[in-house]
Amino acid sequence: MIFIVDSGSTKCDWLAISPNGEQLFEKQRTKGMNPAILNQKKLYKIIKKNNVLRQYKEEVTHIFFYGAGCGTENPRQLLKDVLEDFFPNCKAEVREDTYAAVYATVGNSLSPAVVCILGTGSNCSYFNGQNIEQRVKSLGFSIMDDASGNYFGRQLIRDFYFNHMPENLRVSFSEKYNMDSDFIKYNLYKQPNPNAYLASFAEFMFLNKESDYIVALIKDGVRLFANNMIMQFEEVLEGVPVHFAGSIAYFSQDIIAAVGDEMGFKVGHFERRPIEGLVRYHSEKLAV
């Protein structure tokens, strides 16, 4: 049994597959396992709390773990030790979460590419066939994350309050979401994960994608992201594709392709959920 694991700081998805890529049982979700934040005892406790993981602990032979907080050696080794202790017959490989998007979109060809993530947040890296290069250090969702779910949520709320949203959409928007100013401020400034709260509004775009206003909103956001992030790698764009992972990218494929034509980069693959691409990647790799 093989586990493919995709973890953020708040939640962690575990997918069990056979060596030929067959999913063995329903995806399991635990709390996030960020080894840069959590100590050994807390990491172990998170796994132990899941009945299914406990039930199959002896049968697991490989774990491929991609997670937040796994970018440096000490946290990575800490998590590897926890995994191999809890699952006594397994070999664990731990990598930072950016590699999940790379392997999911590039696959076993390991061909060089620029790889973008447009989900709750956003990111962009260059994969040279072996290693990942990033040229912009993230300052978090409040300043960066262009063209992400939280970016578009913020723009929608602003346009609603500044009366820039077409009236028919304003009505639909206020019917779908609680637009009371006190409620919004409470969720933004007094609740955890305001980035996820903002990203929850992004669904509205894809329910109203026929609107010229929505198309322009998405296109402006993608242009901003491309200019600030993709163009950091301008010198390689003639020779490599630009792949995208995440739901925002997946549902904006036509607009992203149009911006690519406009700005001179070649759009490659789209992967809505990196964990699905990771299953293909590791199944093919193990079959060799």
Protein backbone atom coordinates (compact mmCIF):
# COMPACT_ATOMS: atom_id res chain seq x y z
CA MET A 1 0.00 0.00 0.00
CA ILE A 2 1.24 3.46 -0.96
CA PHE A 3 0.13 6.78 0.51
CA ILE A 4 0.23 9.99 -1.51
CA VAL A 5 -0.11 12.87 0.94
CA ASP A 6 -0.77 16.55 0.22
CA SER A 7 -0.62 18.74 3.32
CA GLY A 8 -1.11 22.41 4.07
CA SER A 9 -0.94 24.00 7.47
CA THR A 10 -4.64 23.47 8.19
CA LYS A 11 -5.57 20.20 6.46
CA CYS A 12 -3.85 17.13 5.10
CA ASP A 13 -5.19 14.69 2.45
CA TRP A 14 -4.10 11.03 2.38
CA LEU A 15 -4.78 8.92 -0.71
CA ALA A 16 -4.03 5.17 -0.58
CA ILE A 17 -3.18 3.42 -3.83
CA SER A 18 -1.89 0.03 -4.96
CA PRO A 19 1.36 -0.15 -6.99
CA ASN A 20 -0.69 -0.03 -10.21
CA GLY A 21 -2.41 3.22 -9.17
CA GLU A 22 -5.76 1.80 -8.06
CA GLN A 23 -7.32 3.81 -5.22
CA LEU A 24 -7.81 1.45 -2.29
CA PHE A 25 -10.27 3.36 -0.12
CA GLU A 26 -11.80 6.77 0.40
CA LYS A 27 -9.42 9.69 0.76
CA GLN A 28 -8.61 10.43 4.40
CA ARG A 29 -8.30 13.93 5.82
CA THR A 30 -6.42 14.89 8.96
CA LYS A 31 -5.29 18.18 10.44
CA GLY A 32 -2.39 19.81 8.64
CA MET A 33 1.06 18.39 9.39
CA ASN A 34 3.46 21.30 9.10
CA PRO A 35 6.74 20.15 10.73
CA ALA A 36 8.04 23.71 10.87
CA ILE A 37 5.23 24.52 13.34
CA LEU A 38 4.37 21.23 15.06
CA ASN A 39 6.67 19.12 17.21
CA GLN A 40 7.14 15.37 16.98
CA LYS A 41 4.50 14.56 19.59
CA LYS A 42 1.80 16.66 17.88
CA LEU A 43 2.58 15.24 14.45
CA TYR A 44 2.36 11.70 15.77
CA LYS A 45 -0.91 12.45 17.54
CA ILE A 46 -2.53 13.75 14.34
CA ILE A 47 -1.83 10.48 12.51
CA LYS A 48 -2.81 8.31 15.44
CA LYS A 49 -6.19 10.04 15.72
CA ASN A 50 -7.29 8.71 12.31
CA ASN A 51 -8.80 5.23 12.62
CA VAL A 52 -8.14 4.22 9.00
CA LEU A 53 -4.47 5.24 9.10
CA ARG A 54 -4.11 3.28 12.31
CA GLN A 55 -5.87 0.26 10.85
CA TYR A 56 -3.52 -0.07 7.86
CA LYS A 57 -0.27 1.09 9.46
CA GLU A 58 1.45 -2.30 9.00
CA GLU A 59 0.53 -2.54 5.31
CA VAL A 60 2.00 0.75 4.13
CA THR A 61 5.24 0.33 2.14
CA HIS A 62 5.76 3.82 0.70
CA ILE A 63 4.67 7.34 1.67
CA PHE A 64 5.19 10.27 -0.67
CA PHE A 65 4.50 13.36 1.43
CA TYR A 66 4.27 16.89 0.00
CA GLY A 67 3.67 19.60 2.54
CA ALA A 68 3.92 23.13 3.83
CA GLY A 69 6.91 23.61 6.11
CA CYS A 70 8.96 20.87 4.40
CA GLY A 71 11.33 23.14 2.50
CA THR A 72 14.31 22.81 4.86
CA GLU A 73 16.20 19.78 6.12
CA ASN A 74 15.43 19.72 9.85
CA PRO A 75 11.60 19.85 9.63
CA ARG A 76 11.71 17.45 6.69
CA GLN A 77 13.74 14.92 8.64
CA LEU A 78 11.51 15.32 11.69
CA LEU A 79 8.42 14.43 9.68
CA LYS A 80 10.16 11.57 7.87
CA ASP A 81 11.12 10.07 11.25
CA VAL A 82 7.54 10.39 12.53
CA LEU A 83 6.08 8.73 9.43
CA GLU A 84 8.56 5.85 9.41
CA ASP A 85 8.02 5.28 13.13
CA PHE A 86 4.22 5.19 12.90
CA PHE A 87 4.21 3.11 9.69
CA PRO A 88 6.99 0.62 10.59
CA ASN A 89 7.27 -1.07 7.17
CA CYS A 90 7.34 2.05 5.03
CA LYS A 91 9.91 4.23 3.34
CA ALA A 92 8.87 7.90 3.50
CA GLU A 93 9.89 10.64 1.08
CA VAL A 94 9.11 14.18 2.23
CA ARG A 95 9.19 17.22 -0.07
CA GLU A 96 7.90 20.78 0.02
CA ASP A 97 4.41 21.35 -1.39
CA THR A 98 5.64 23.17 -4.50
CA TYR A 99 6.93 19.85 -5.83
CA ALA A 100 3.38 18.48 -5.74
CA ALA A 101 2.32 20.98 -8.39
CA VAL A 102 5.48 20.32 -10.42
CA TYR A 103 5.19 16.52 -10.47
CA ALA A 104 1.42 16.68 -11.02
CA THR A 105 1.78 18.84 -14.15
CA VAL A 106 5.16 17.76 -15.54
CA GLY A 107 4.80 14.05 -14.83
CA ASN A 108 7.58 11.50 -15.26
CA SER A 109 9.01 13.28 -18.28
CA LEU A 110 10.51 15.74 -15.77
CA SER A 111 10.72 18.24 -18.61
CA PRO A 112 11.66 21.82 -17.70
CA ALA A 113 8.67 24.11 -17.23
CA VAL A 114 7.38 27.13 -15.41
CA VAL A 115 4.78 25.85 -12.94
CA CYS A 116 2.10 28.10 -11.44
CA ILE A 117 -0.33 27.50 -8.60
CA LEU A 118 -3.61 29.42 -8.63
CA GLY A 119 -5.69 28.16 -5.73
CA THR A 120 -6.49 29.78 -2.40
CA GLY A 121 -3.08 31.44 -2.80
CA SER A 122 -0.75 31.72 -5.79
CA ASN A 123 2.84 30.87 -6.59
CA CYS A 124 5.18 30.45 -9.54
CA SER A 125 8.40 28.44 -9.94
CA TYR A 126 10.77 27.31 -12.63
CA PHE A 127 11.53 23.57 -12.71
CA ASN A 128 14.78 22.90 -14.60
CA GLY A 129 14.26 19.14 -14.78
CA GLN A 130 15.77 18.50 -11.35
CA ASN A 131 15.30 21.45 -9.02
CA ILE A 132 12.84 24.26 -8.38
CA GLU A 133 13.81 27.92 -8.62
CA GLN A 134 11.69 30.72 -7.16
CA ARG A 135 12.59 34.35 -7.71
CA VAL A 136 9.98 36.08 -5.57
CA LYS A 137 9.69 35.54 -1.83
CA SER A 138 6.07 35.52 -0.76
CA LEU A 139 4.92 38.19 1.67
CA GLY A 140 1.57 36.50 2.20
CA PHE A 141 -1.97 36.89 0.98
CA SER A 142 -2.54 40.50 2.03
CA ILE A 143 0.18 41.85 -0.28
CA MET A 144 0.80 39.17 -2.92
CA ASP A 145 -1.13 36.11 -4.17
CA ASP A 146 -2.23 37.77 -7.44
CA ALA A 147 -4.95 35.87 -9.36
CA SER A 148 -5.60 33.55 -6.41
CA GLY A 149 -8.93 32.76 -4.81
CA ASN A 150 -8.31 35.24 -2.02
CA TYR A 151 -7.24 37.91 -4.53
CA PHE A 152 -10.46 37.54 -6.53
CA GLY A 153 -12.57 37.40 -3.37
CA ARG A 154 -11.04 40.68 -2.27
CA GLN A 155 -11.68 42.26 -5.68
CA LEU A 156 -15.31 41.11 -5.71
CA ILE A 157 -15.97 42.54 -2.24
CA ARG A 158 -14.28 45.82 -3.15
CA ASP A 159 -16.26 46.13 -6.39
CA PHE A 160 -19.47 45.40 -4.51
CA TYR A 161 -18.81 48.11 -1.93
CA PHE A 162 -17.42 50.64 -4.42
CA ASN A 163 -20.44 50.08 -6.71
CA HIS A 164 -18.29 48.85 -9.61
CA MET A 165 -20.17 45.56 -9.93
CA PRO A 166 -23.05 45.43 -12.47
CA GLU A 167 -26.41 45.72 -10.72
CA ASN A 168 -27.68 42.27 -11.69
CA LEU A 169 -24.53 40.70 -10.26
CA ARG A 170 -24.72 42.86 -7.13
CA VAL A 171 -28.16 41.42 -6.44
CA SER A 172 -26.98 37.84 -6.99
CA PHE A 173 -23.84 38.43 -4.93
CA SER A 174 -25.75 39.79 -1.94
CA GLU A 175 -28.20 36.89 -2.13
CA LYS A 176 -25.41 34.31 -2.11
CA TYR A 177 -23.16 35.90 0.54
CA ASN A 178 -23.64 37.81 3.77
CA MET A 179 -22.44 41.29 2.73
CA ASP A 180 -23.04 42.97 6.07
CA SER A 181 -19.95 45.07 6.76
CA ASP A 182 -19.64 43.95 10.39
CA PHE A 183 -19.84 40.30 9.36
CA ILE A 184 -17.14 40.76 6.73
CA LYS A 185 -14.83 42.61 9.12
CA TYR A 186 -15.35 39.94 11.78
CA ASN A 187 -14.24 37.23 9.34
CA LEU A 188 -11.33 39.26 8.02
CA TYR A 189 -9.89 40.54 11.27
CA LYS A 190 -11.13 38.37 14.12
CA GLN A 191 -11.28 34.87 12.69
CA PRO A 192 -8.45 32.52 11.68
CA ASN A 193 -7.66 31.96 7.99
CA PRO A 194 -9.00 35.20 6.45
CA ASN A 195 -7.33 34.12 3.19
CA ALA A 196 -9.64 31.08 2.99
CA TYR A 197 -12.63 33.29 3.82
CA LEU A 198 -11.79 35.63 0.93
CA ALA A 199 -11.22 32.67 -1.40
CA SER A 200 -14.72 31.36 -0.64
CA PHE A 201 -16.14 34.22 -2.75
CA ALA A 202 -14.25 33.15 -5.89
CA GLU A 203 -16.85 30.50 -6.77
CA PHE A 204 -19.16 33.37 -7.75
CA MET A 205 -16.95 34.14 -10.75
CA PHE A 206 -17.36 30.69 -12.24
CA LEU A 207 -21.11 30.70 -11.69
CA ASN A 208 -21.28 33.92 -13.73
CA LYS A 209 -18.47 33.46 -16.20
CA GLU A 210 -20.60 34.59 -19.14
CA SER A 211 -20.53 38.14 -17.72
CA ASP A 212 -18.17 40.60 -19.43
CA TYR A 213 -17.43 42.03 -15.98
CA ILE A 214 -16.28 38.61 -14.67
CA VAL A 215 -14.18 37.89 -17.77
CA ALA A 216 -12.45 41.26 -17.41
CA LEU A 217 -11.92 40.68 -13.67
CA ILE A 218 -10.27 37.30 -14.24
CA LYS A 219 -8.22 38.55 -17.17
CA ASP A 220 -6.91 41.54 -15.21
CA GLY A 221 -5.92 39.26 -12.33
CA VAL A 222 -4.16 36.77 -14.60
CA ARG A 223 -2.31 39.59 -16.39
CA LEU A 224 -1.15 40.92 -13.02
CA PHE A 225 0.06 37.47 -11.98
CA ALA A 226 1.79 36.88 -15.29
CA ASN A 227 3.55 40.24 -15.20
CA ASN A 228 4.67 39.89 -11.58
CA MET A 229 5.42 36.16 -11.43
CA ILE A 230 5.63 34.36 -14.78
CA MET A 231 7.71 37.13 -16.38
CA GLN A 232 10.35 36.64 -13.69
CA PHE A 233 11.41 33.73 -15.92
CA GLU A 234 11.13 35.61 -19.22
CA GLU A 235 14.47 34.28 -20.53
CA VAL A 236 13.18 30.66 -20.60
CA LEU A 237 9.61 31.23 -21.77
CA GLU A 238 10.38 30.75 -25.46
CA GLY A 239 11.55 27.21 -24.81
CA VAL A 240 9.35 25.84 -22.03
CA PRO A 241 5.59 25.60 -21.35
CA VAL A 242 3.81 27.21 -18.43
CA HIS A 243 1.74 24.67 -16.47
CA PHE A 244 -0.99 25.50 -13.96
CA ALA A 245 -2.36 23.76 -10.87
CA GLY A 246 -5.30 24.69 -8.64
CA SER A 247 -9.02 25.30 -9.03
CA ILE A 248 -8.80 28.96 -10.02
CA ALA A 249 -6.50 28.07 -12.92
CA TYR A 250 -8.55 25.01 -13.88
CA PHE A 251 -11.76 27.00 -14.29
CA SER A 252 -10.00 29.88 -16.08
CA GLN A 253 -8.21 27.89 -18.77
CA ASP A 254 -9.56 29.81 -21.76
CA ILE A 255 -8.76 33.18 -20.21
CA ILE A 256 -5.27 32.07 -19.15
CA ALA A 257 -4.61 30.81 -22.70
CA ALA A 258 -5.72 34.18 -24.11
CA VAL A 259 -3.39 36.04 -21.73
CA GLY A 260 -0.58 33.66 -22.69
CA ASP A 261 -1.07 34.52 -26.38
CA GLU A 262 -1.18 38.19 -25.49
CA MET A 263 1.96 38.15 -23.34
CA GLY A 264 3.99 35.60 -25.25
CA PHE A 265 4.09 32.46 -23.14
CA LYS A 266 2.97 28.96 -24.09
CA VAL A 267 0.30 27.48 -21.82
CA GLY A 268 0.79 23.80 -21.01
CA HIS A 269 -1.19 21.47 -18.73
CA PHE A 270 -3.88 22.26 -16.16
CA GLU A 271 -4.31 20.15 -13.04
CA ARG A 272 -7.22 21.01 -10.78
CA ARG A 273 -6.08 18.93 -7.80
CA PRO A 274 -2.34 18.19 -7.63
CA ILE A 275 -2.93 15.01 -5.62
CA GLU A 276 -4.62 13.42 -8.66
CA GLY A 277 -1.62 14.16 -10.85
CA LEU A 278 0.67 12.86 -8.11
CA VAL A 279 -1.12 9.50 -8.20
CA ARG A 280 -0.33 9.20 -11.94
CA TYR A 281 3.26 10.34 -11.41
CA HIS A 282 4.07 7.90 -8.63
CA SER A 283 2.14 4.98 -10.18
CA GLU A 284 4.13 5.33 -13.41
CA LYS A 285 7.39 5.73 -11.49
CA LEU A 286 6.80 2.61 -9.38
CA ALA A 287 5.84 0.57 -12.46
CA VAL A 288 9.23 1.16 -14.11
